[in-house]
Amino acid sequence: MTDEEFITQAIIDRMDMVFQRAIPEPTEEEKAARQEKEEQFQRILDSLPEEDRALLKEMQSEEFRLSARDNEFFYREGVKDGFSLYRFVAGG
């Protein structure tokens, strides 16, 4: 493993740790319930007039955007930790 690969892996591991602390892994029951809700949502969405469907899809897109913002936050925190680790390992 090269130094660069080590640093990359350390950043990824730290990001995973921060993410798991903030958002624990859902249980199998929670996953099944979410899947059922998604299927119900899709059935309801399919039954709506086009205008209402477009509005809900727009709202869903906004939620995805916000989720991406959160992911970026965790990525940046992981990068900061990675650089801190690199400086510590490099002795400076």
PDB file of N, CA and C in Angstrom:
ATOM      1  N   MET A   1       0.853  -1.174   0.000  1.00  0.00           N
ATOM      2  CA  MET A   1       0.000   0.000   0.000  1.00  0.00           C
ATOM      3  C   MET A   1       0.901   1.241   0.000  1.00  0.00           C
ATOM      4  N   THR A   2       0.636   2.125  -0.924  1.00  0.00           N
ATOM      5  CA  THR A   2       1.408   3.361  -0.997  1.00  0.00           C
ATOM      6  C   THR A   2       0.926   4.336   0.071  1.00  0.00           C
ATOM      7  N   ASP A   3       1.724   5.380   0.308  1.00  0.00           N
ATOM      8  CA  ASP A   3       1.327   6.415   1.267  1.00  0.00           C
ATOM      9  C   ASP A   3       0.012   7.059   0.847  1.00  0.00           C
ATOM     10  N   GLU A   4      -0.138   7.325  -0.432  1.00  0.00           N
ATOM     11  CA  GLU A   4      -1.365   7.945  -0.940  1.00  0.00           C
ATOM     12  C   GLU A   4      -2.565   7.032  -0.717  1.00  0.00           C
ATOM     13  N   GLU A   5      -2.404   5.746  -0.980  1.00  0.00           N
ATOM     14  CA  GLU A   5      -3.501   4.796  -0.759  1.00  0.00           C
ATOM     15  C   GLU A   5      -3.857   4.722   0.718  1.00  0.00           C
ATOM     16  N   PHE A   6      -2.830   4.752   1.571  1.00  0.00           N
ATOM     17  CA  PHE A   6      -3.071   4.728   3.010  1.00  0.00           C
ATOM     18  C   PHE A   6      -3.876   5.946   3.449  1.00  0.00           C
ATOM     19  N   ILE A   7      -3.481   7.105   2.988  1.00  0.00           N
ATOM     20  CA  ILE A   7      -4.184   8.343   3.358  1.00  0.00           C
ATOM     21  C   ILE A   7      -5.623   8.307   2.847  1.00  0.00           C
ATOM     22  N   THR A   8      -5.796   7.865   1.601  1.00  0.00           N
ATOM     23  CA  THR A   8      -7.147   7.772   1.043  1.00  0.00           C
ATOM     24  C   THR A   8      -7.997   6.825   1.873  1.00  0.00           C
ATOM     25  N   GLN A   9      -7.453   5.686   2.244  1.00  0.00           N
ATOM     26  CA  GLN A   9      -8.207   4.725   3.044  1.00  0.00           C
ATOM     27  C   GLN A   9      -8.520   5.284   4.425  1.00  0.00           C
ATOM     28  N   ALA A  10      -7.563   6.000   5.023  1.00  0.00           N
ATOM     29  CA  ALA A  10      -7.802   6.607   6.330  1.00  0.00           C
ATOM     30  C   ALA A  10      -8.931   7.629   6.262  1.00  0.00           C
ATOM     31  N   ILE A  11      -8.959   8.416   5.205  1.00  0.00           N
ATOM     32  CA  ILE A  11     -10.034   9.407   5.026  1.00  0.00           C
ATOM     33  C   ILE A  11     -11.377   8.697   4.881  1.00  0.00           C
ATOM     34  N   ILE A  12     -11.415   7.658   4.073  1.00  0.00           N
ATOM     35  CA  ILE A  12     -12.664   6.922   3.871  1.00  0.00           C
ATOM     36  C   ILE A  12     -13.139   6.301   5.181  1.00  0.00           C
ATOM     37  N   ASP A  13     -12.220   5.688   5.924  1.00  0.00           N
ATOM     38  CA  ASP A  13     -12.586   5.065   7.198  1.00  0.00           C
ATOM     39  C   ASP A  13     -13.118   6.096   8.182  1.00  0.00           C
ATOM     40  N   ARG A  14     -12.475   7.250   8.242  1.00  0.00           N
ATOM     41  CA  ARG A  14     -12.924   8.295   9.155  1.00  0.00           C
ATOM     42  C   ARG A  14     -14.299   8.827   8.744  1.00  0.00           C
ATOM     43  N   MET A  15     -14.513   8.999   7.460  1.00  0.00           N
ATOM     44  CA  MET A  15     -15.819   9.454   6.979  1.00  0.00           C
ATOM     45  C   MET A  15     -16.898   8.447   7.387  1.00  0.00           C
ATOM     46  N   ASP A  16     -16.611   7.169   7.224  1.00  0.00           N
ATOM     47  CA  ASP A  16     -17.567   6.133   7.616  1.00  0.00           C
ATOM     48  C   ASP A  16     -17.873   6.210   9.110  1.00  0.00           C
ATOM     49  N   MET A  17     -16.832   6.416   9.927  1.00  0.00           N
ATOM     50  CA  MET A  17     -17.025   6.492  11.367  1.00  0.00           C
ATOM     51  C   MET A  17     -17.906   7.683  11.741  1.00  0.00           C
ATOM     52  N   VAL A  18     -17.626   8.843  11.165  1.00  0.00           N
ATOM     53  CA  VAL A  18     -18.421  10.040  11.461  1.00  0.00           C
ATOM     54  C   VAL A  18     -19.860   9.828  11.005  1.00  0.00           C
ATOM     55  N   PHE A  19     -20.032   9.262   9.821  1.00  0.00           N
ATOM     56  CA  PHE A  19     -21.373   9.038   9.287  1.00  0.00           C
ATOM     57  C   PHE A  19     -22.155   8.058  10.151  1.00  0.00           C
ATOM     58  N   GLN A  20     -21.530   6.959  10.563  1.00  0.00           N
ATOM     59  CA  GLN A  20     -22.218   5.954  11.368  1.00  0.00           C
ATOM     60  C   GLN A  20     -22.600   6.495  12.741  1.00  0.00           C
ATOM     61  N   ARG A  21     -21.769   7.378  13.286  1.00  0.00           N
ATOM     62  CA  ARG A  21     -22.107   8.001  14.560  1.00  0.00           C
ATOM     63  C   ARG A  21     -23.339   8.889  14.422  1.00  0.00           C
ATOM     64  N   ALA A  22     -23.411   9.620  13.336  1.00  0.00           N
ATOM     65  CA  ALA A  22     -24.499  10.573  13.132  1.00  0.00           C
ATOM     66  C   ALA A  22     -25.773   9.881  12.663  1.00  0.00           C
ATOM     67  N   ILE A  23     -25.621   8.851  11.837  1.00  0.00           N
ATOM     68  CA  ILE A  23     -26.781   8.175  11.249  1.00  0.00           C
ATOM     69  C   ILE A  23     -26.564   6.665  11.353  1.00  0.00           C
ATOM     70  N   PRO A  24     -27.085   6.035  12.415  1.00  0.00           N
ATOM     71  CA  PRO A  24     -26.865   4.603  12.587  1.00  0.00           C
ATOM     72  C   PRO A  24     -27.515   3.782  11.469  1.00  0.00           C
ATOM     73  N   GLU A  25     -26.962   2.608  11.226  1.00  0.00           N
ATOM     74  CA  GLU A  25     -27.479   1.686  10.209  1.00  0.00           C
ATOM     75  C   GLU A  25     -28.898   1.259  10.579  1.00  0.00           C
ATOM     76  N   PRO A  26     -29.841   1.359   9.629  1.00  0.00           N
ATOM     77  CA  PRO A  26     -31.214   0.953   9.941  1.00  0.00           C
ATOM     78  C   PRO A  26     -31.318  -0.562  10.144  1.00  0.00           C
ATOM     79  N   THR A  27     -32.274  -0.966  10.964  1.00  0.00           N
ATOM     80  CA  THR A  27     -32.527  -2.387  11.179  1.00  0.00           C
ATOM     81  C   THR A  27     -33.223  -2.957   9.952  1.00  0.00           C
ATOM     82  N   GLU A  28     -33.312  -4.275   9.880  1.00  0.00           N
ATOM     83  CA  GLU A  28     -34.008  -4.918   8.762  1.00  0.00           C
ATOM     84  C   GLU A  28     -35.476  -4.502   8.726  1.00  0.00           C
ATOM     85  N   GLU A  29     -36.088  -4.358   9.903  1.00  0.00           N
ATOM     86  CA  GLU A  29     -37.491  -3.926   9.966  1.00  0.00           C
ATOM     87  C   GLU A  29     -37.641  -2.513   9.424  1.00  0.00           C
ATOM     88  N   GLU A  30     -36.700  -1.635   9.771  1.00  0.00           N
ATOM     89  CA  GLU A  30     -36.746  -0.264   9.266  1.00  0.00           C
ATOM     90  C   GLU A  30     -36.545  -0.228   7.756  1.00  0.00           C
ATOM     91  N   LYS A  31     -35.646  -1.066   7.257  1.00  0.00           N
ATOM     92  CA  LYS A  31     -35.427  -1.136   5.811  1.00  0.00           C
ATOM     93  C   LYS A  31     -36.677  -1.614   5.092  1.00  0.00           C
ATOM     94  N   ALA A  32     -37.336  -2.653   5.639  1.00  0.00           N
ATOM     95  CA  ALA A  32     -38.556  -3.180   5.023  1.00  0.00           C
ATOM     96  C   ALA A  32     -39.674  -2.141   5.050  1.00  0.00           C
ATOM     97  N   ALA A  33     -39.808  -1.434   6.166  1.00  0.00           N
ATOM     98  CA  ALA A  33     -40.838  -0.401   6.284  1.00  0.00           C
ATOM     99  C   ALA A  33     -40.578   0.726   5.289  1.00  0.00           C
ATOM    100  N   ARG A  34     -39.318   1.090   5.127  1.00  0.00           N
ATOM    101  CA  ARG A  34     -38.983   2.147   4.162  1.00  0.00           C
ATOM    102  C   ARG A  34     -39.311   1.704   2.743  1.00  0.00           C
ATOM    103  N   GLN A  35     -38.987   0.465   2.418  1.00  0.00           N
ATOM    104  CA  GLN A  35     -39.275  -0.056   1.087  1.00  0.00           C
ATOM    105  C   GLN A  35     -40.783  -0.036   0.816  1.00  0.00           C
ATOM    106  N   GLU A  36     -41.559  -0.430   1.804  1.00  0.00           N
ATOM    107  CA  GLU A  36     -43.016  -0.424   1.643  1.00  0.00           C
ATOM    108  C   GLU A  36     -43.526   1.004   1.439  1.00  0.00           C
ATOM    109  N   LYS A  37     -43.002   1.944   2.189  1.00  0.00           N
ATOM    110  CA  LYS A  37     -43.416   3.340   2.036  1.00  0.00           C
ATOM    111  C   LYS A  37     -43.044   3.873   0.657  1.00  0.00           C
ATOM    112  N   GLU A  38     -41.877   3.503   0.170  1.00  0.00           N
ATOM    113  CA  GLU A  38     -41.472   3.940  -1.164  1.00  0.00           C
ATOM    114  C   GLU A  38     -42.396   3.372  -2.236  1.00  0.00           C
ATOM    115  N   GLU A  39     -42.794   2.116  -2.072  1.00  0.00           N
ATOM    116  CA  GLU A  39     -43.723   1.505  -3.026  1.00  0.00           C
ATOM    117  C   GLU A  39     -45.090   2.180  -2.963  1.00  0.00           C
ATOM    118  N   GLN A  40     -45.566   2.477  -1.751  1.00  0.00           N
ATOM    119  CA  GLN A  40     -46.837   3.190  -1.601  1.00  0.00           C
ATOM    120  C   GLN A  40     -46.748   4.577  -2.231  1.00  0.00           C
ATOM    121  N   PHE A  41     -45.652   5.261  -1.993  1.00  0.00           N
ATOM    122  CA  PHE A  41     -45.453   6.588  -2.566  1.00  0.00           C
ATOM    123  C   PHE A  41     -45.520   6.523  -4.087  1.00  0.00           C
ATOM    124  N   GLN A  42     -44.858   5.542  -4.665  1.00  0.00           N
ATOM    125  CA  GLN A  42     -44.848   5.418  -6.125  1.00  0.00           C
ATOM    126  C   GLN A  42     -46.249   5.137  -6.660  1.00  0.00           C
ATOM    127  N   ARG A  43     -47.014   4.286  -5.973  1.00  0.00           N
ATOM    128  CA  ARG A  43     -48.396   4.003  -6.403  1.00  0.00           C
ATOM    129  C   ARG A  43     -49.246   5.270  -6.357  1.00  0.00           C
ATOM    130  N   ILE A  44     -49.099   6.033  -5.279  1.00  0.00           N
ATOM    131  CA  ILE A  44     -49.856   7.288  -5.148  1.00  0.00           C
ATOM    132  C   ILE A  44     -49.411   8.267  -6.222  1.00  0.00           C
ATOM    133  N   LEU A  45     -48.110   8.392  -6.407  1.00  0.00           N
ATOM    134  CA  LEU A  45     -47.571   9.303  -7.419  1.00  0.00           C
ATOM    135  C   LEU A  45     -48.115   8.960  -8.804  1.00  0.00           C
ATOM    136  N   ASP A  46     -48.146   7.687  -9.131  1.00  0.00           N
ATOM    137  CA  ASP A  46     -48.641   7.253 -10.438  1.00  0.00           C
ATOM    138  C   ASP A  46     -50.121   7.555 -10.648  1.00  0.00           C
ATOM    139  N   SER A  47     -50.869   7.670  -9.546  1.00  0.00           N
ATOM    140  CA  SER A  47     -52.304   7.905  -9.660  1.00  0.00           C
ATOM    141  C   SER A  47     -52.680   9.384  -9.746  1.00  0.00           C
ATOM    142  N   LEU A  48     -51.713  10.275  -9.572  1.00  0.00           N
ATOM    143  CA  LEU A  48     -51.990  11.715  -9.550  1.00  0.00           C
ATOM    144  C   LEU A  48     -52.001  12.328 -10.951  1.00  0.00           C
ATOM    145  N   PRO A  49     -52.685  13.459 -11.081  1.00  0.00           N
ATOM    146  CA  PRO A  49     -52.600  14.210 -12.334  1.00  0.00           C
ATOM    147  C   PRO A  49     -51.158  14.680 -12.553  1.00  0.00           C
ATOM    148  N   GLU A  50     -50.801  14.910 -13.791  1.00  0.00           N
ATOM    149  CA  GLU A  50     -49.424  15.262 -14.158  1.00  0.00           C
ATOM    150  C   GLU A  50     -48.900  16.479 -13.391  1.00  0.00           C
ATOM    151  N   GLU A  51     -49.724  17.501 -13.217  1.00  0.00           N
ATOM    152  CA  GLU A  51     -49.280  18.712 -12.522  1.00  0.00           C
ATOM    153  C   GLU A  51     -48.898  18.411 -11.074  1.00  0.00           C
ATOM    154  N   ASP A  52     -49.722  17.639 -10.382  1.00  0.00           N
ATOM    155  CA  ASP A  52     -49.431  17.273  -9.000  1.00  0.00           C
ATOM    156  C   ASP A  52     -48.198  16.364  -8.925  1.00  0.00           C
ATOM    157  N   ARG A  53     -48.092  15.454  -9.863  1.00  0.00           N
ATOM    158  CA  ARG A  53     -46.946  14.548  -9.917  1.00  0.00           C
ATOM    159  C   ARG A  53     -45.648  15.350 -10.105  1.00  0.00           C
ATOM    160  N   ALA A  54     -45.696  16.354 -10.978  1.00  0.00           N
ATOM    161  CA  ALA A  54     -44.510  17.182 -11.219  1.00  0.00           C
ATOM    162  C   ALA A  54     -44.110  17.944  -9.952  1.00  0.00           C
ATOM    163  N   LEU A  55     -45.091  18.459  -9.221  1.00  0.00           N
ATOM    164  CA  LEU A  55     -44.803  19.180  -7.987  1.00  0.00           C
ATOM    165  C   LEU A  55     -44.141  18.259  -6.963  1.00  0.00           C
ATOM    166  N   LEU A  56     -44.685  17.067  -6.802  1.00  0.00           N
ATOM    167  CA  LEU A  56     -44.100  16.136  -5.842  1.00  0.00           C
ATOM    168  C   LEU A  56     -42.700  15.687  -6.262  1.00  0.00           C
ATOM    169  N   LYS A  57     -42.498  15.504  -7.554  1.00  0.00           N
ATOM    170  CA  LYS A  57     -41.157  15.132  -8.024  1.00  0.00           C
ATOM    171  C   LYS A  57     -40.171  16.259  -7.766  1.00  0.00           C
ATOM    172  N   GLU A  58     -40.634  17.489  -7.911  1.00  0.00           N
ATOM    173  CA  GLU A  58     -39.775  18.643  -7.626  1.00  0.00           C
ATOM    174  C   GLU A  58     -39.409  18.675  -6.145  1.00  0.00           C
ATOM    175  N   MET A  59     -40.381  18.398  -5.293  1.00  0.00           N
ATOM    176  CA  MET A  59     -40.121  18.354  -3.859  1.00  0.00           C
ATOM    177  C   MET A  59     -39.128  17.231  -3.532  1.00  0.00           C
ATOM    178  N   GLN A  60     -39.283  16.100  -4.184  1.00  0.00           N
ATOM    179  CA  GLN A  60     -38.384  14.977  -3.968  1.00  0.00           C
ATOM    180  C   GLN A  60     -36.963  15.339  -4.412  1.00  0.00           C
ATOM    181  N   SER A  61     -36.849  16.040  -5.511  1.00  0.00           N
ATOM    182  CA  SER A  61     -35.538  16.477  -5.989  1.00  0.00           C
ATOM    183  C   SER A  61     -34.877  17.398  -4.972  1.00  0.00           C
ATOM    184  N   GLU A  62     -35.661  18.268  -4.363  1.00  0.00           N
ATOM    185  CA  GLU A  62     -35.128  19.164  -3.341  1.00  0.00           C
ATOM    186  C   GLU A  62     -34.606  18.369  -2.148  1.00  0.00           C
ATOM    187  N   GLU A  63     -35.321  17.336  -1.760  1.00  0.00           N
ATOM    188  CA  GLU A  63     -34.860  16.489  -0.665  1.00  0.00           C
ATOM    189  C   GLU A  63     -33.544  15.811  -1.022  1.00  0.00           C
ATOM    190  N   PHE A  64     -33.420  15.347  -2.249  1.00  0.00           N
ATOM    191  CA  PHE A  64     -32.164  14.739  -2.691  1.00  0.00           C
ATOM    192  C   PHE A  64     -31.027  15.760  -2.652  1.00  0.00           C
ATOM    193  N   ARG A  65     -31.333  16.990  -3.040  1.00  0.00           N
ATOM    194  CA  ARG A  65     -30.324  18.047  -3.010  1.00  0.00           C
ATOM    195  C   ARG A  65     -29.837  18.277  -1.587  1.00  0.00           C
ATOM    196  N   LEU A  66     -30.769  18.322  -0.654  1.00  0.00           N
ATOM    197  CA  LEU A  66     -30.396  18.519   0.748  1.00  0.00           C
ATOM    198  C   LEU A  66     -29.571  17.341   1.267  1.00  0.00           C
ATOM    199  N   SER A  67     -29.924  16.164   0.842  1.00  0.00           N
ATOM    200  CA  SER A  67     -29.166  14.970   1.229  1.00  0.00           C
ATOM    201  C   SER A  67     -27.741  15.047   0.684  1.00  0.00           C
ATOM    202  N   ALA A  68     -27.607  15.500  -0.540  1.00  0.00           N
ATOM    203  CA  ALA A  68     -26.279  15.653  -1.139  1.00  0.00           C
ATOM    204  C   ALA A  68     -25.455  16.673  -0.349  1.00  0.00           C
ATOM    205  N   ARG A  69     -26.110  17.711   0.137  1.00  0.00           N
ATOM    206  CA  ARG A  69     -25.417  18.717   0.951  1.00  0.00           C
ATOM    207  C   ARG A  69     -24.864  18.074   2.223  1.00  0.00           C
ATOM    208  N   ASP A  70     -25.676  17.204   2.844  1.00  0.00           N
ATOM    209  CA  ASP A  70     -25.218  16.508   4.038  1.00  0.00           C
ATOM    210  C   ASP A  70     -24.034  15.599   3.721  1.00  0.00           C
ATOM    211  N   ASN A  71     -24.125  14.903   2.596  1.00  0.00           N
ATOM    212  CA  ASN A  71     -23.018  14.029   2.193  1.00  0.00           C
ATOM    213  C   ASN A  71     -21.742  14.835   1.979  1.00  0.00           C
ATOM    214  N   GLU A  72     -21.874  16.017   1.407  1.00  0.00           N
ATOM    215  CA  GLU A  72     -20.710  16.871   1.202  1.00  0.00           C
ATOM    216  C   GLU A  72     -20.107  17.272   2.541  1.00  0.00           C
ATOM    217  N   PHE A  73     -20.962  17.569   3.515  1.00  0.00           N
ATOM    218  CA  PHE A  73     -20.480  17.913   4.847  1.00  0.00           C
ATOM    219  C   PHE A  73     -19.630  16.786   5.412  1.00  0.00           C
ATOM    220  N   PHE A  74     -20.141  15.547   5.345  1.00  0.00           N
ATOM    221  CA  PHE A  74     -19.391  14.410   5.873  1.00  0.00           C
ATOM    222  C   PHE A  74     -18.094  14.199   5.095  1.00  0.00           C
ATOM    223  N   TYR A  75     -18.136  14.400   3.808  1.00  0.00           N
ATOM    224  CA  TYR A  75     -16.927  14.262   3.003  1.00  0.00           C
ATOM    225  C   TYR A  75     -15.874  15.269   3.452  1.00  0.00           C
ATOM    226  N   ARG A  76     -16.297  16.523   3.607  1.00  0.00           N
ATOM    227  CA  ARG A  76     -15.352  17.564   4.015  1.00  0.00           C
ATOM    228  C   ARG A  76     -14.780  17.283   5.404  1.00  0.00           C
ATOM    229  N   GLU A  77     -15.619  16.814   6.332  1.00  0.00           N
ATOM    230  CA  GLU A  77     -15.121  16.470   7.660  1.00  0.00           C
ATOM    231  C   GLU A  77     -14.105  15.336   7.567  1.00  0.00           C
ATOM    232  N   GLY A  78     -14.366  14.375   6.699  1.00  0.00           N
ATOM    233  CA  GLY A  78     -13.425  13.280   6.498  1.00  0.00           C
ATOM    234  C   GLY A  78     -12.110  13.759   5.922  1.00  0.00           C
ATOM    235  N   VAL A  79     -12.184  14.678   4.973  1.00  0.00           N
ATOM    236  CA  VAL A  79     -10.961  15.231   4.386  1.00  0.00           C
ATOM    237  C   VAL A  79     -10.168  15.997   5.438  1.00  0.00           C
ATOM    238  N   LYS A  80     -10.847  16.801   6.255  1.00  0.00           N
ATOM    239  CA  LYS A  80     -10.152  17.537   7.316  1.00  0.00           C
ATOM    240  C   LYS A  80      -9.437  16.567   8.252  1.00  0.00           C
ATOM    241  N   ASP A  81     -10.146  15.520   8.643  1.00  0.00           N
ATOM    242  CA  ASP A  81      -9.528  14.536   9.524  1.00  0.00           C
ATOM    243  C   ASP A  81      -8.360  13.844   8.832  1.00  0.00           C
ATOM    244  N   GLY A  82      -8.513  13.576   7.540  1.00  0.00           N
ATOM    245  CA  GLY A  82      -7.434  12.942   6.790  1.00  0.00           C
ATOM    246  C   GLY A  82      -6.192  13.807   6.757  1.00  0.00           C
ATOM    247  N   PHE A  83      -6.357  15.092   6.543  1.00  0.00           N
ATOM    248  CA  PHE A  83      -5.204  15.995   6.542  1.00  0.00           C
ATOM    249  C   PHE A  83      -4.590  16.099   7.932  1.00  0.00           C
ATOM    250  N   SER A  84      -5.442  16.112   8.955  1.00  0.00           N
ATOM    251  CA  SER A  84      -4.905  16.148  10.323  1.00  0.00           C
ATOM    252  C   SER A  84      -4.091  14.890  10.595  1.00  0.00           C
ATOM    253  N   LEU A  85      -4.604  13.754  10.183  1.00  0.00           N
ATOM    254  CA  LEU A  85      -3.888  12.500  10.360  1.00  0.00           C
ATOM    255  C   LEU A  85      -2.580  12.520   9.571  1.00  0.00           C
ATOM    256  N   TYR A  86      -2.632  13.012   8.357  1.00  0.00           N
ATOM    257  CA  TYR A  86      -1.427  13.081   7.526  1.00  0.00           C
ATOM    258  C   TYR A  86      -0.354  13.946   8.208  1.00  0.00           C
ATOM    259  N   ARG A  87      -0.762  15.112   8.703  1.00  0.00           N
ATOM    260  CA  ARG A  87       0.199  15.998   9.383  1.00  0.00           C
ATOM    261  C   ARG A  87       0.786  15.323  10.613  1.00  0.00           C
ATOM    262  N   PHE A  88      -0.060  14.595  11.346  1.00  0.00           N
ATOM    263  CA  PHE A  88       0.414  13.898  12.536  1.00  0.00           C
ATOM    264  C   PHE A  88       1.416  12.815  12.158  1.00  0.00           C
ATOM    265  N   VAL A  89       1.064  11.998  11.156  1.00  0.00           N
ATOM    266  CA  VAL A  89       1.944  10.916  10.719  1.00  0.00           C
ATOM    267  C   VAL A  89       3.238  11.466  10.124  1.00  0.00           C
ATOM    268  N   ALA A  90       3.124  12.568   9.391  1.00  0.00           N
ATOM    269  CA  ALA A  90       4.291  13.171   8.754  1.00  0.00           C
ATOM    270  C   ALA A  90       5.165  13.943   9.747  1.00  0.00           C
ATOM    271  N   GLY A  91       4.638  14.132  10.951  1.00  0.00           N
ATOM    272  CA  GLY A  91       5.432  14.785  12.000  1.00  0.00           C
ATOM    273  C   GLY A  91       5.412  16.295  11.950  1.00  0.00           C
ATOM    274  N   GLY A  92       4.377  16.859  11.376  1.00  0.00           N
ATOM    275  CA  GLY A  92       4.423  18.305  11.320  1.00  0.00           C
ATOM    276  C   GLY A  92       3.114  18.916  11.276  1.00  0.00           C
TER     277      GLY A  92
END
